[in-house]
C-alpha atoms as a PDB file:
ATOM      1  CA  MET A   1     -21.931   0.492  -1.944  1.00  0.00           C
ATOM      2  CA  ASN A   2     -21.358   1.073   1.767  1.00  0.00           C
ATOM      3  CA  THR A   3     -18.388   3.442   1.565  1.00  0.00           C
ATOM      4  CA  THR A   4     -17.657   3.328   5.288  1.00  0.00           C
ATOM      5  CA  ARG A   5     -17.489  -0.444   5.358  1.00  0.00           C
ATOM      6  CA  THR A   6     -15.392  -0.558   2.171  1.00  0.00           C
ATOM      7  CA  THR A   7     -12.888   2.011   3.431  1.00  0.00           C
ATOM      8  CA  ASN A   8     -12.616   0.343   6.825  1.00  0.00           C
ATOM      9  CA  ALA A   9     -12.105  -3.079   5.310  1.00  0.00           C
ATOM     10  CA  HIS A  10      -9.212  -1.824   3.196  1.00  0.00           C
ATOM     11  CA  GLN A  11      -7.694  -0.042   6.182  1.00  0.00           C
ATOM     12  CA  ARG A  12      -7.812  -3.114   8.340  1.00  0.00           C
ATOM     13  CA  SER A  13      -6.519  -5.463   5.632  1.00  0.00           C
ATOM     14  CA  ARG A  14      -3.564  -3.173   4.949  1.00  0.00           C
ATOM     15  CA  ALA A  15      -2.618  -3.018   8.610  1.00  0.00           C
ATOM     16  CA  LEU A  16      -2.898  -6.770   8.998  1.00  0.00           C
ATOM     17  CA  LEU A  17      -0.670  -7.482   6.041  1.00  0.00           C
ATOM     18  CA  ALA A  18       2.130  -5.547   7.690  1.00  0.00           C
ATOM     19  CA  CYS A  19       2.070  -7.829  10.729  1.00  0.00           C
ATOM     20  CA  ALA A  20       4.320 -10.860  10.399  1.00  0.00           C
ATOM     21  CA  THR A  21       2.029 -13.269  12.171  1.00  0.00           C
ATOM     22  CA  VAL A  22      -0.867 -12.407   9.904  1.00  0.00           C
ATOM     23  CA  PHE A  23       1.368 -12.441   6.842  1.00  0.00           C
ATOM     24  CA  ILE A  24       1.792 -16.197   7.154  1.00  0.00           C
ATOM     25  CA  ALA A  25      -1.893 -16.484   6.335  1.00  0.00           C
ATOM     26  CA  ALA A  26      -1.426 -13.921   3.563  1.00  0.00           C
ATOM     27  CA  ALA A  27       0.580 -16.507   1.644  1.00  0.00           C
ATOM     28  CA  LEU A  28      -2.822 -17.979   0.883  1.00  0.00           C
ATOM     29  CA  SER A  29      -4.920 -14.791   0.870  1.00  0.00           C
ATOM     30  CA  VAL A  30      -3.079 -11.646  -0.228  1.00  0.00           C
ATOM     31  CA  GLY A  31      -3.857  -8.212   1.226  1.00  0.00           C
ATOM     32  CA  THR A  32      -2.202  -4.790   1.053  1.00  0.00           C
ATOM     33  CA  PRO A  33      -0.248  -2.688   3.570  1.00  0.00           C
ATOM     34  CA  GLN A  34      -1.423   0.504   5.188  1.00  0.00           C
ATOM     35  CA  PRO A  35      -0.104   3.791   3.867  1.00  0.00           C
ATOM     36  CA  VAL A  36       2.858   5.521   5.441  1.00  0.00           C
ATOM     37  CA  SER A  37       3.691   9.107   6.377  1.00  0.00           C
ATOM     38  CA  ALA A  38       5.356  12.055   4.692  1.00  0.00           C
ATOM     39  CA  THR A  39       8.737  13.509   5.707  1.00  0.00           C
ATOM     40  CA  PRO A  40       9.413  17.134   6.691  1.00  0.00           C
ATOM     41  CA  PRO A  41      12.660  18.416   5.092  1.00  0.00           C
ATOM     42  CA  GLY A  42      15.510  19.189   7.487  1.00  0.00           C
ATOM     43  CA  VAL A  43      18.048  17.496   9.722  1.00  0.00           C
ATOM     44  CA  ASN A  44      17.528  13.777  10.353  1.00  0.00           C
ATOM     45  CA  GLY A  45      15.839  13.377  13.722  1.00  0.00           C
ATOM     46  CA  ARG A  46      13.786  10.758  15.499  1.00  0.00           C
ATOM     47  CA  ILE A  47      11.393   8.364  13.822  1.00  0.00           C
ATOM     48  CA  SER A  48       7.968   7.177  14.874  1.00  0.00           C
ATOM     49  CA  PHE A  49       6.586   3.740  14.112  1.00  0.00           C
ATOM     50  CA  MET A  50       3.860   1.275  15.041  1.00  0.00           C
ATOM     51  CA  ARG A  51       4.273  -1.860  17.113  1.00  0.00           C
ATOM     52  CA  HIS A  52       1.799  -4.225  18.770  1.00  0.00           C
ATOM     53  CA  ASP A  53       1.614  -4.159  22.543  1.00  0.00           C
ATOM     54  CA  ALA A  54       1.284  -7.288  24.688  1.00  0.00           C
ATOM     55  CA  ASP A  55      -2.502  -7.274  24.211  1.00  0.00           C
ATOM     56  CA  GLY A  56      -2.306  -7.059  20.423  1.00  0.00           C
ATOM     57  CA  TYR A  57      -3.198  -3.371  20.029  1.00  0.00           C
ATOM     58  CA  TRP A  58      -1.239  -1.055  17.771  1.00  0.00           C
ATOM     59  CA  GLN A  59       0.694   1.617  19.677  1.00  0.00           C
ATOM     60  CA  VAL A  60       2.889   4.555  18.645  1.00  0.00           C
ATOM     61  CA  TRP A  61       6.588   4.514  19.474  1.00  0.00           C
ATOM     62  CA  THR A  62       9.394   6.980  18.819  1.00  0.00           C
ATOM     63  CA  ALA A  63      13.115   6.211  18.548  1.00  0.00           C
ATOM     64  CA  ASN A  64      16.388   7.323  17.052  1.00  0.00           C
ATOM     65  CA  PRO A  65      16.737   6.128  13.437  1.00  0.00           C
ATOM     66  CA  ASP A  66      18.801   3.121  14.599  1.00  0.00           C
ATOM     67  CA  LEU A  67      15.951   2.262  17.022  1.00  0.00           C
ATOM     68  CA  SER A  68      17.979   3.194  20.079  1.00  0.00           C
ATOM     69  CA  GLU A  69      16.235   5.151  22.848  1.00  0.00           C
ATOM     70  CA  SER A  70      12.843   3.690  21.873  1.00  0.00           C
ATOM     71  CA  GLN A  71       9.821   4.981  23.795  1.00  0.00           C
ATOM     72  CA  GLN A  72       6.194   3.819  23.690  1.00  0.00           C
ATOM     73  CA  ILE A  73       4.056   6.959  23.788  1.00  0.00           C
ATOM     74  CA  THR A  74       0.482   5.617  23.475  1.00  0.00           C
ATOM     75  CA  ASP A  75      -1.292   2.863  25.350  1.00  0.00           C
ATOM     76  CA  GLY A  76      -4.791   1.567  26.035  1.00  0.00           C
ATOM     77  CA  ASP A  77      -7.212  -1.113  24.864  1.00  0.00           C
ATOM     78  CA  TYR A  78      -7.590   0.357  21.371  1.00  0.00           C
ATOM     79  CA  ASP A  79      -5.484   0.879  18.261  1.00  0.00           C
ATOM     80  CA  SER A  80      -3.390   4.038  17.908  1.00  0.00           C
ATOM     81  CA  GLY A  81      -0.930   4.558  15.108  1.00  0.00           C
ATOM     82  CA  TRP A  82      -0.145   5.943  11.657  1.00  0.00           C
ATOM     83  CA  ALA A  83       1.589   8.884  13.306  1.00  0.00           C
ATOM     84  CA  THR A  84       3.450  11.652  11.472  1.00  0.00           C
ATOM     85  CA  TRP A  85       5.573  14.513  12.756  1.00  0.00           C
ATOM     86  CA  SER A  86       4.905  18.232  12.852  1.00  0.00           C
ATOM     87  CA  PRO A  87       7.585  20.155  10.912  1.00  0.00           C
ATOM     88  CA  ASP A  88       9.237  21.371  14.120  1.00  0.00           C
ATOM     89  CA  GLY A  89       9.336  17.856  15.622  1.00  0.00           C
ATOM     90  CA  ALA A  90       7.400  18.961  18.689  1.00  0.00           C
ATOM     91  CA  ARG A  91       4.153  17.077  18.035  1.00  0.00           C
ATOM     92  CA  LEU A  92       2.689  14.060  16.295  1.00  0.00           C
ATOM     93  CA  VAL A  93      -0.647  13.632  14.553  1.00  0.00           C
ATOM     94  CA  PHE A  94      -2.167  10.143  14.538  1.00  0.00           C
ATOM     95  CA  ASN A  95      -5.438   8.269  14.212  1.00  0.00           C
ATOM     96  CA  SER A  96      -6.970   6.119  16.915  1.00  0.00           C
ATOM     97  CA  THR A  97     -10.087   4.123  17.755  1.00  0.00           C
ATOM     98  CA  ARG A  98      -9.925   5.242  21.405  1.00  0.00           C
ATOM     99  CA  ASP A  99     -13.331   6.963  21.208  1.00  0.00           C
ATOM    100  CA  ASP A 100     -14.970   4.148  19.280  1.00  0.00           C
ATOM    101  CA  GLY A 101     -17.249   3.229  22.172  1.00  0.00           C
ATOM    102  CA  ALA A 102     -19.738   0.526  21.239  1.00  0.00           C
ATOM    103  CA  TYR A 103     -19.149   0.757  17.490  1.00  0.00           C
ATOM    104  CA  SER A 104     -16.564  -2.047  17.468  1.00  0.00           C
ATOM    105  CA  GLY A 105     -14.044  -0.820  14.947  1.00  0.00           C
ATOM    106  CA  GLU A 106     -16.235   1.498  12.887  1.00  0.00           C
ATOM    107  CA  ILE A 107     -14.981   4.829  14.260  1.00  0.00           C
ATOM    108  CA  SER A 108     -11.483   6.286  14.038  1.00  0.00           C
ATOM    109  CA  ASP A 109     -10.577   9.915  14.675  1.00  0.00           C
ATOM    110  CA  ILE A 110      -7.580  12.191  14.214  1.00  0.00           C
ATOM    111  CA  PHE A 111      -5.620  13.335  17.270  1.00  0.00           C
ATOM    112  CA  VAL A 112      -2.512  15.406  17.979  1.00  0.00           C
ATOM    113  CA  MET A 113      -0.118  14.975  20.908  1.00  0.00           C
ATOM    114  CA  ASN A 114       3.253  16.124  22.112  1.00  0.00           C
ATOM    115  CA  ALA A 115       6.261  14.085  21.002  1.00  0.00           C
ATOM    116  CA  ASP A 116       6.345  12.405  24.425  1.00  0.00           C
ATOM    117  CA  GLY A 117       2.674  11.350  24.165  1.00  0.00           C
ATOM    118  CA  THR A 118       1.267  14.007  26.515  1.00  0.00           C
ATOM    119  CA  GLU A 119      -1.540  16.542  25.894  1.00  0.00           C
ATOM    120  CA  VAL A 120      -3.592  14.469  23.462  1.00  0.00           C
ATOM    121  CA  GLU A 121      -6.198  16.566  21.625  1.00  0.00           C
ATOM    122  CA  LYS A 122      -8.964  15.321  19.304  1.00  0.00           C
ATOM    123  CA  LEU A 123      -9.342  17.095  15.945  1.00  0.00           C
ATOM    124  CA  THR A 124     -12.271  15.275  14.319  1.00  0.00           C
ATOM    125  CA  GLN A 125     -15.717  14.573  15.758  1.00  0.00           C
ATOM    126  CA  SER A 126     -17.368  11.889  13.700  1.00  0.00           C
ATOM    127  CA  GLU A 127     -19.145   8.574  13.657  1.00  0.00           C
ATOM    128  CA  SER A 128     -17.100   7.288  10.735  1.00  0.00           C
ATOM    129  CA  TRP A 129     -13.514   6.462   9.813  1.00  0.00           C
ATOM    130  CA  ASN A 130     -10.733   9.069   9.623  1.00  0.00           C
ATOM    131  CA  GLU A 131      -7.140   7.965   9.099  1.00  0.00           C
ATOM    132  CA  GLN A 132      -3.681   8.490   7.573  1.00  0.00           C
ATOM    133  CA  PRO A 133      -3.022  12.074   8.784  1.00  0.00           C
ATOM    134  CA  VAL A 134      -0.029  14.123   7.658  1.00  0.00           C
ATOM    135  CA  TRP A 135       1.192  17.628   8.526  1.00  0.00           C
ATOM    136  CA  SER A 136       1.825  20.387   5.978  1.00  0.00           C
ATOM    137  CA  PRO A 137       5.413  21.753   5.778  1.00  0.00           C
ATOM    138  CA  ASP A 138       4.407  25.082   7.340  1.00  0.00           C
ATOM    139  CA  GLY A 139       2.490  23.345  10.138  1.00  0.00           C
ATOM    140  CA  ASP A 140      -0.774  25.152   9.323  1.00  0.00           C
ATOM    141  CA  LEU A 141      -2.755  22.206   7.925  1.00  0.00           C
ATOM    142  CA  ILE A 142      -3.265  18.498   8.497  1.00  0.00           C
ATOM    143  CA  ALA A 143      -4.531  16.358   5.618  1.00  0.00           C
ATOM    144  CA  PHE A 144      -6.182  12.997   6.188  1.00  0.00           C
ATOM    145  CA  VAL A 145      -8.474  10.416   4.636  1.00  0.00           C
ATOM    146  CA  GLY A 146     -12.022  10.878   5.840  1.00  0.00           C
ATOM    147  CA  LEU A 147     -15.685  10.131   5.396  1.00  0.00           C
ATOM    148  CA  SER A 148     -18.284  12.745   6.295  1.00  0.00           C
ATOM    149  CA  ASP A 149     -21.923  12.848   5.181  1.00  0.00           C
ATOM    150  CA  ASP A 150     -21.099   9.992   2.781  1.00  0.00           C
ATOM    151  CA  GLU A 151     -18.360  12.076   1.104  1.00  0.00           C
ATOM    152  CA  GLN A 152     -15.133  10.068   1.046  1.00  0.00           C
ATOM    153  CA  GLY A 153     -11.894  11.757   0.091  1.00  0.00           C
ATOM    154  CA  ILE A 154      -8.955  13.840   1.290  1.00  0.00           C
ATOM    155  CA  TYR A 155      -9.857  16.366   3.976  1.00  0.00           C
ATOM    156  CA  VAL A 156      -7.791  19.121   5.591  1.00  0.00           C
ATOM    157  CA  VAL A 157      -8.130  20.641   9.052  1.00  0.00           C
ATOM    158  CA  ARG A 158      -6.216  23.147  11.155  1.00  0.00           C
ATOM    159  CA  PRO A 159      -4.122  21.721  14.020  1.00  0.00           C
ATOM    160  CA  ASP A 160      -6.638  23.260  16.434  1.00  0.00           C
ATOM    161  CA  GLY A 161      -9.515  21.355  14.808  1.00  0.00           C
ATOM    162  CA  THR A 162     -11.017  24.308  12.909  1.00  0.00           C
ATOM    163  CA  ASP A 163     -11.682  24.833   9.188  1.00  0.00           C
ATOM    164  CA  LEU A 164     -12.358  21.179   8.380  1.00  0.00           C
ATOM    165  CA  HIS A 165     -13.222  20.682   4.703  1.00  0.00           C
ATOM    166  CA  LEU A 166     -13.031  18.251   1.793  1.00  0.00           C
ATOM    167  CA  VAL A 167     -10.445  19.011  -0.905  1.00  0.00           C
ATOM    168  CA  THR A 168     -10.746  16.103  -3.355  1.00  0.00           C
ATOM    169  CA  THR A 169     -13.817  14.952  -5.249  1.00  0.00           C
ATOM    170  CA  LEU A 170     -14.495  11.414  -6.370  1.00  0.00           C
ATOM    171  CA  PRO A 171     -15.407  10.771 -10.035  1.00  0.00           C
ATOM    172  CA  THR A 172     -19.103  10.250 -10.737  1.00  0.00           C
ATOM    173  CA  GLY A 173     -21.040   8.702 -13.587  1.00  0.00           C
ATOM    174  CA  THR A 174     -18.215   6.334 -14.552  1.00  0.00           C
ATOM    175  CA  GLY A 175     -19.894   3.083 -13.548  1.00  0.00           C
ATOM    176  CA  ARG A 176     -17.027   2.371 -11.132  1.00  0.00           C
ATOM    177  CA  GLY A 177     -16.429   3.072  -7.472  1.00  0.00           C
ATOM    178  CA  TYR A 178     -13.453   5.182  -6.407  1.00  0.00           C
ATOM    179  CA  TYR A 179     -11.882   6.357  -3.198  1.00  0.00           C
ATOM    180  CA  HIS A 180      -8.847   8.467  -2.282  1.00  0.00           C
ATOM    181  CA  VAL A 181      -6.214   7.538   0.309  1.00  0.00           C
ATOM    182  CA  ALA A 182      -2.704   8.366   1.563  1.00  0.00           C
ATOM    183  CA  PRO A 183      -2.257  12.159   1.113  1.00  0.00           C
ATOM    184  CA  ARG A 184       1.239  13.692   1.337  1.00  0.00           C
ATOM    185  CA  PHE A 185       2.079  17.388   1.111  1.00  0.00           C
ATOM    186  CA  SER A 186       4.871  18.382  -1.229  1.00  0.00           C
ATOM    187  CA  PRO A 187       7.845  20.008   0.547  1.00  0.00           C
ATOM    188  CA  ASP A 188       6.807  23.449  -0.717  1.00  0.00           C
ATOM    189  CA  GLY A 189       3.269  22.902   0.586  1.00  0.00           C
ATOM    190  CA  ARG A 190       1.642  23.649  -2.766  1.00  0.00           C
ATOM    191  CA  SER A 191       0.641  20.139  -3.822  1.00  0.00           C
ATOM    192  CA  LEU A 192      -0.695  16.846  -2.542  1.00  0.00           C
ATOM    193  CA  VAL A 193       0.158  13.404  -3.844  1.00  0.00           C
ATOM    194  CA  TYR A 194      -2.434  10.758  -3.060  1.00  0.00           C
ATOM    195  CA  THR A 195      -3.541   7.319  -4.184  1.00  0.00           C
ATOM    196  CA  VAL A 196      -6.726   6.904  -6.203  1.00  0.00           C
ATOM    197  CA  VAL A 197      -8.300   3.464  -5.870  1.00  0.00           C
ATOM    198  CA  ARG A 198     -10.547   2.383  -8.735  1.00  0.00           C
ATOM    199  CA  LEU A 199     -12.721  -0.500  -7.634  1.00  0.00           C
ATOM    200  CA  GLY A 200     -13.438  -3.469  -9.825  1.00  0.00           C
ATOM    201  CA  LYS A 201     -16.642  -5.415 -10.040  1.00  0.00           C
ATOM    202  CA  ASP A 202     -18.484  -6.392  -6.902  1.00  0.00           C
ATOM    203  CA  GLY A 203     -18.649 -10.167  -6.638  1.00  0.00           C
ATOM    204  CA  PRO A 204     -18.219 -13.103  -4.264  1.00  0.00           C
ATOM    205  CA  GLY A 205     -15.520 -12.317  -1.739  1.00  0.00           C
ATOM    206  CA  GLY A 206     -15.396  -8.569  -2.481  1.00  0.00           C
ATOM    207  CA  TYR A 207     -14.264  -6.399  -5.369  1.00  0.00           C
ATOM    208  CA  HIS A 208     -12.279  -7.926  -8.212  1.00  0.00           C
ATOM    209  CA  GLY A 209     -10.065  -6.057 -10.645  1.00  0.00           C
ATOM    210  CA  GLU A 210      -9.221  -3.178  -8.300  1.00  0.00           C
ATOM    211  CA  VAL A 211      -6.403  -0.926  -9.544  1.00  0.00           C
ATOM    212  CA  THR A 212      -4.687   2.170  -8.175  1.00  0.00           C
ATOM    213  CA  ALA A 213      -2.694   5.148  -9.427  1.00  0.00           C
ATOM    214  CA  LEU A 214      -0.854   8.099  -7.898  1.00  0.00           C
ATOM    215  CA  TYR A 215      -2.338  11.547  -8.502  1.00  0.00           C
ATOM    216  CA  VAL A 216      -0.937  14.998  -7.757  1.00  0.00           C
ATOM    217  CA  ALA A 217      -3.231  17.981  -7.193  1.00  0.00           C
ATOM    218  CA  ASP A 218      -2.957  21.518  -5.895  1.00  0.00           C
ATOM    219  CA  VAL A 219      -3.339  21.716  -2.134  1.00  0.00           C
ATOM    220  CA  ASP A 220      -6.947  22.857  -2.535  1.00  0.00           C
ATOM    221  CA  GLY A 221      -7.698  19.771  -4.657  1.00  0.00           C
ATOM    222  CA  SER A 222      -7.740  21.581  -7.993  1.00  0.00           C
ATOM    223  CA  ASN A 223      -5.828  20.468 -11.102  1.00  0.00           C
ATOM    224  CA  PRO A 224      -5.620  16.742 -10.267  1.00  0.00           C
ATOM    225  CA  HIS A 225      -3.495  14.712 -12.680  1.00  0.00           C
ATOM    226  CA  ARG A 226      -2.308  11.117 -12.741  1.00  0.00           C
ATOM    227  CA  ILE A 227       1.478  10.497 -12.576  1.00  0.00           C
ATOM    228  CA  THR A 228       1.665   6.678 -12.631  1.00  0.00           C
ATOM    229  CA  PRO A 229       0.011   3.980 -14.754  1.00  0.00           C
ATOM    230  CA  TRP A 230      -2.945   2.119 -13.250  1.00  0.00           C
ATOM    231  CA  GLY A 231      -1.384  -1.262 -13.902  1.00  0.00           C
ATOM    232  CA  ILE A 232       1.464  -1.041 -11.376  1.00  0.00           C
ATOM    233  CA  THR A 233      -0.968  -0.541  -8.431  1.00  0.00           C
ATOM    234  CA  PRO A 234       0.932   2.054  -6.368  1.00  0.00           C
ATOM    235  CA  GLY A 235       0.107   2.366  -2.673  1.00  0.00           C
ATOM    236  CA  ASP A 236       2.115   4.420  -0.180  1.00  0.00           C
ATOM    237  CA  ALA A 237       4.107   7.404  -1.420  1.00  0.00           C
ATOM    238  CA  ASP A 238       6.471  10.024  -0.020  1.00  0.00           C
ATOM    239  CA  TRP A 239       8.156  13.073  -1.577  1.00  0.00           C
ATOM    240  CA  SER A 240      11.905  13.540  -1.549  1.00  0.00           C
ATOM    241  CA  PRO A 241      12.759  16.592   0.589  1.00  0.00           C
ATOM    242  CA  ASP A 242      13.734  18.578  -2.525  1.00  0.00           C
ATOM    243  CA  GLY A 243      10.339  17.832  -4.100  1.00  0.00           C
ATOM    244  CA  ARG A 244      11.828  16.331  -7.264  1.00  0.00           C
ATOM    245  CA  HIS A 245      11.009  12.651  -6.722  1.00  0.00           C
ATOM    246  CA  ILE A 246       8.332  10.449  -5.184  1.00  0.00           C
ATOM    247  CA  VAL A 247       9.033   7.007  -3.720  1.00  0.00           C
ATOM    248  CA  PHE A 248       6.154   4.550  -3.420  1.00  0.00           C
ATOM    249  CA  ASP A 249       5.348   0.886  -3.016  1.00  0.00           C
ATOM    250  CA  THR A 250       3.292  -1.280  -5.333  1.00  0.00           C
ATOM    251  CA  VAL A 251       0.675  -3.387  -3.626  1.00  0.00           C
ATOM    252  CA  VAL A 252       0.169  -7.120  -4.017  1.00  0.00           C
ATOM    253  CA  ASN A 253      -2.672  -7.912  -6.416  1.00  0.00           C
ATOM    254  CA  HIS A 254      -2.178 -11.659  -6.832  1.00  0.00           C
ATOM    255  CA  LEU A 255       0.226 -14.390  -5.778  1.00  0.00           C
ATOM    256  CA  GLY A 256       3.569 -14.154  -7.515  1.00  0.00           C
ATOM    257  CA  HIS A 257       3.468 -10.361  -7.469  1.00  0.00           C
ATOM    258  CA  THR A 258       4.877  -8.390  -4.580  1.00  0.00           C
ATOM    259  CA  ASN A 259       5.121  -5.147  -2.727  1.00  0.00           C
ATOM    260  CA  ARG A 260       8.281  -3.478  -3.993  1.00  0.00           C
ATOM    261  CA  LEU A 261       9.551   0.079  -3.936  1.00  0.00           C
ATOM    262  CA  MET A 262       9.643   2.321  -6.989  1.00  0.00           C
ATOM    263  CA  VAL A 263      10.640   5.944  -7.627  1.00  0.00           C
ATOM    264  CA  VAL A 264       9.151   8.407 -10.103  1.00  0.00           C
ATOM    265  CA  ASP A 265       9.929  12.037 -10.857  1.00  0.00           C
ATOM    266  CA  ALA A 266       7.304  14.438  -9.541  1.00  0.00           C
ATOM    267  CA  ASP A 267       5.999  15.060 -13.072  1.00  0.00           C
ATOM    268  CA  GLY A 268       5.459  11.331 -13.660  1.00  0.00           C
ATOM    269  CA  SER A 269       8.557  10.748 -15.767  1.00  0.00           C
ATOM    270  CA  ASN A 270      11.513   8.417 -15.203  1.00  0.00           C
ATOM    271  CA  LEU A 271       9.648   5.615 -13.428  1.00  0.00           C
ATOM    272  CA  ARG A 272      12.075   2.998 -12.079  1.00  0.00           C
ATOM    273  CA  ALA A 273      12.284   0.148  -9.562  1.00  0.00           C
ATOM    274  CA  LEU A 274      14.155   0.738  -6.302  1.00  0.00           C
ATOM    275  CA  THR A 275      14.012  -2.773  -4.783  1.00  0.00           C
ATOM    276  CA  THR A 276      13.874  -6.192  -6.440  1.00  0.00           C
ATOM    277  CA  ASP A 277      11.819  -8.245  -4.020  1.00  0.00           C
ATOM    278  CA  HIS A 278      11.069 -11.844  -4.899  1.00  0.00           C
ATOM    279  CA  GLY A 279       7.376 -11.796  -4.012  1.00  0.00           C
ATOM    280  CA  THR A 280       5.393 -14.875  -3.012  1.00  0.00           C
ATOM    281  CA  THR A 281       5.909 -18.196  -4.791  1.00  0.00           C
ATOM    282  CA  GLY A 282       5.783 -21.889  -3.932  1.00  0.00           C
ATOM    283  CA  ILE A 283       2.369 -21.898  -2.254  1.00  0.00           C
ATOM    284  CA  GLY A 284       1.445 -25.437  -1.187  1.00  0.00           C
ATOM    285  CA  ARG A 285       4.985 -26.648  -0.427  1.00  0.00           C
ATOM    286  CA  PHE A 286       6.698 -25.098   2.553  1.00  0.00           C
ATOM    287  CA  ASP A 287      10.114 -26.263   1.381  1.00  0.00           C
ATOM    288  CA  ALA A 288       9.546 -24.298  -1.852  1.00  0.00           C
ATOM    289  CA  LEU A 289       7.759 -21.303  -0.328  1.00  0.00           C
ATOM    290  CA  ARG A 290       9.438 -17.937  -0.830  1.00  0.00           C
ATOM    291  CA  ILE A 291       8.150 -14.585   0.411  1.00  0.00           C
ATOM    292  CA  GLU A 292       9.890 -11.221   0.191  1.00  0.00           C
ATOM    293  CA  GLN A 293       8.167  -7.841   0.180  1.00  0.00           C
ATOM    294  CA  SER A 294       9.050  -4.187   0.816  1.00  0.00           C
ATOM    295  CA  PHE A 295       6.475  -1.489   1.558  1.00  0.00           C
ATOM    296  CA  ASN A 296       5.709   1.753   3.434  1.00  0.00           C
ATOM    297  CA  PRO A 297       8.680   3.861   2.225  1.00  0.00           C
ATOM    298  CA  VAL A 298       9.606   7.179   3.819  1.00  0.00           C
ATOM    299  CA  TRP A 299      12.417   9.568   2.907  1.00  0.00           C
ATOM    300  CA  SER A 300      14.878  10.880   5.504  1.00  0.00           C
ATOM    301  CA  PRO A 301      14.631  14.644   6.081  1.00  0.00           C
ATOM    302  CA  ASP A 302      18.099  15.186   4.582  1.00  0.00           C
ATOM    303  CA  GLY A 303      17.226  13.158   1.465  1.00  0.00           C
ATOM    304  CA  SER A 304      20.085  10.675   1.798  1.00  0.00           C
ATOM    305  CA  THR A 305      18.126   7.591   2.868  1.00  0.00           C
ATOM    306  CA  ILE A 306      14.792   5.834   2.378  1.00  0.00           C
ATOM    307  CA  MET A 307      13.441   3.768   5.281  1.00  0.00           C
ATOM    308  CA  PHE A 308      10.785   1.109   4.723  1.00  0.00           C
ATOM    309  CA  SER A 309       9.175  -2.019   6.112  1.00  0.00           C
ATOM    310  CA  HIS A 310      10.517  -5.353   4.878  1.00  0.00           C
ATOM    311  CA  PHE A 311       9.019  -8.813   5.275  1.00  0.00           C
ATOM    312  CA  GLU A 312      10.535 -12.110   4.205  1.00  0.00           C
ATOM    313  CA  LEU A 313      10.711 -15.822   4.824  1.00  0.00           C
ATOM    314  CA  THR A 314      14.345 -16.650   5.486  1.00  0.00           C
ATOM    315  CA  GLY A 315      16.195 -19.723   4.251  1.00  0.00           C
ATOM    316  CA  ASP A 316      15.895 -21.089   7.781  1.00  0.00           C
ATOM    317  CA  GLY A 317      12.091 -21.052   7.520  1.00  0.00           C
ATOM    318  CA  GLU A 318      11.630 -18.017   9.778  1.00  0.00           C
ATOM    319  CA  PHE A 319       9.152 -15.221   8.997  1.00  0.00           C
ATOM    320  CA  VAL A 320      10.792 -11.861   9.785  1.00  0.00           C
ATOM    321  CA  LEU A 321       9.471  -8.304   9.674  1.00  0.00           C
ATOM    322  CA  GLY A 322      11.326  -5.094  10.462  1.00  0.00           C
ATOM    323  CA  LEU A 323      12.751  -1.845   9.129  1.00  0.00           C
ATOM    324  CA  GLN A 324      15.340  -1.540   6.393  1.00  0.00           C
ATOM    325  CA  THR A 325      17.062   1.395   4.704  1.00  0.00           C
ATOM    326  CA  ILE A 326      18.267   1.942   1.154  1.00  0.00           C
ATOM    327  CA  ARG A 327      19.918   4.805  -0.708  1.00  0.00           C
ATOM    328  CA  PRO A 328      17.806   6.630  -3.311  1.00  0.00           C
ATOM    329  CA  ASP A 329      19.958   5.091  -6.077  1.00  0.00           C
ATOM    330  CA  GLY A 330      19.005   1.576  -4.925  1.00  0.00           C
ATOM    331  CA  THR A 331      22.316   0.690  -3.264  1.00  0.00           C
ATOM    332  CA  GLY A 332      23.140  -0.098   0.352  1.00  0.00           C
ATOM    333  CA  GLN A 333      19.960  -1.955   1.315  1.00  0.00           C
ATOM    334  CA  LYS A 334      20.285  -3.210   4.910  1.00  0.00           C
ATOM    335  CA  TRP A 335      18.339  -3.977   8.056  1.00  0.00           C
ATOM    336  CA  VAL A 336      17.815  -1.332  10.698  1.00  0.00           C
ATOM    337  CA  ASP A 337      16.166  -3.946  12.876  1.00  0.00           C
ATOM    338  CA  CYS A 338      15.050  -7.451  12.030  1.00  0.00           C
ATOM    339  CA  CYS A 339      12.069  -9.178  13.511  1.00  0.00           C
ATOM    340  CA  GLY A 340      10.811  -6.530  15.902  1.00  0.00           C
ATOM    341  CA  ASP A 341       7.378  -5.889  14.289  1.00  0.00           C
ATOM    342  CA  GLU A 342       8.263  -2.222  13.723  1.00  0.00           C
ATOM    343  CA  HIS A 343       6.677  -0.718  10.636  1.00  0.00           C
ATOM    344  CA  GLN A 344       4.831   2.381   9.396  1.00  0.00           C
ATOM    345  CA  ALA A 345       7.912   4.495  10.047  1.00  0.00           C
ATOM    346  CA  ALA A 346       7.729   8.281   9.864  1.00  0.00           C
ATOM    347  CA  TRP A 347      10.936  10.314   9.930  1.00  0.00           C
ATOM    348  CA  GLY A 348      10.953  13.692  11.626  1.00  0.00           C
ATOM    349  CA  THR A 349      13.316  16.403  12.786  1.00  0.00           C
ATOM    350  CA  ALA A 350      12.924  15.970  16.568  1.00  0.00           C
ATOM    351  CA  PRO A 351      16.391  15.982  18.205  1.00  0.00           C
ATOM    352  CA  LEU A 352      18.057  12.611  18.688  1.00  0.00           C
ATOM    353  CA  GLN A 353      18.306  11.248  22.221  1.00  0.00           C
END
């Protein structure tokens, strides 16, 4: 198996699913959304999110949580996104294909920048794919999904680019392929939650029977243990600021199923649904077609709110994508912004503007 190609294909398919224009095609060919960021505990500050620019490239934006005072802070003829905040709100870490050169979408690296987009610094030096970075609560480490010397897994690095090393190990001798994605530090900095993908059988059109589960391990990768069943196919996850709960989405695995949000206690107990999205039904008849999905959840720093991406086909036949919020008890679901292509939100503590 070509691990680089497999990882990149999943990354690209997840990003595409989150785009409304591509999601119309997803009614016939279902993909999965890209993982989201973790939240530093504290006072609710500004958010970051991804949005396409006029040339179709992903760019990083920041805004107040109601999307006022929005600012685009990256640009260029390459994709930049998946940004998360430093604990003090002064910087953002993100991944970008800006140094891809002639590789045409096969290289992504991890970068840090100031909250206004200045002083961009590169942390990884590779000819492979690095993505989904997140800052530790004390600001001393950045975890990300990487591939180095054919070793795929969760890596950590210092914010100055030093002490890069692998902290998770893929199973061997099982007859199945695995990879690890979407790391999030616990609020106390002692643990990581991440998604383990167990590949199915390789056949026409790709792998079939792929399943996922959430795992929690010590920050050095030791003591990994599964906290969700394989069958519910969890994707993105984020800790509550008090460290007691984890919110996550479940990825689409066939038509009729849907991305929806669920919550589980940090020890794997008390699994429950947070949203009740309809999913995708009525393929083949536009007048009967229904689509509703929620994904990419992130907790507010004060713990009172969960923000997430929401996509649906309205009763007027319009495809809409934007940010919604919901309380942790499942009440009060509402739009922050409808139809603006904002998704992959990360919620930090940077002062509001």
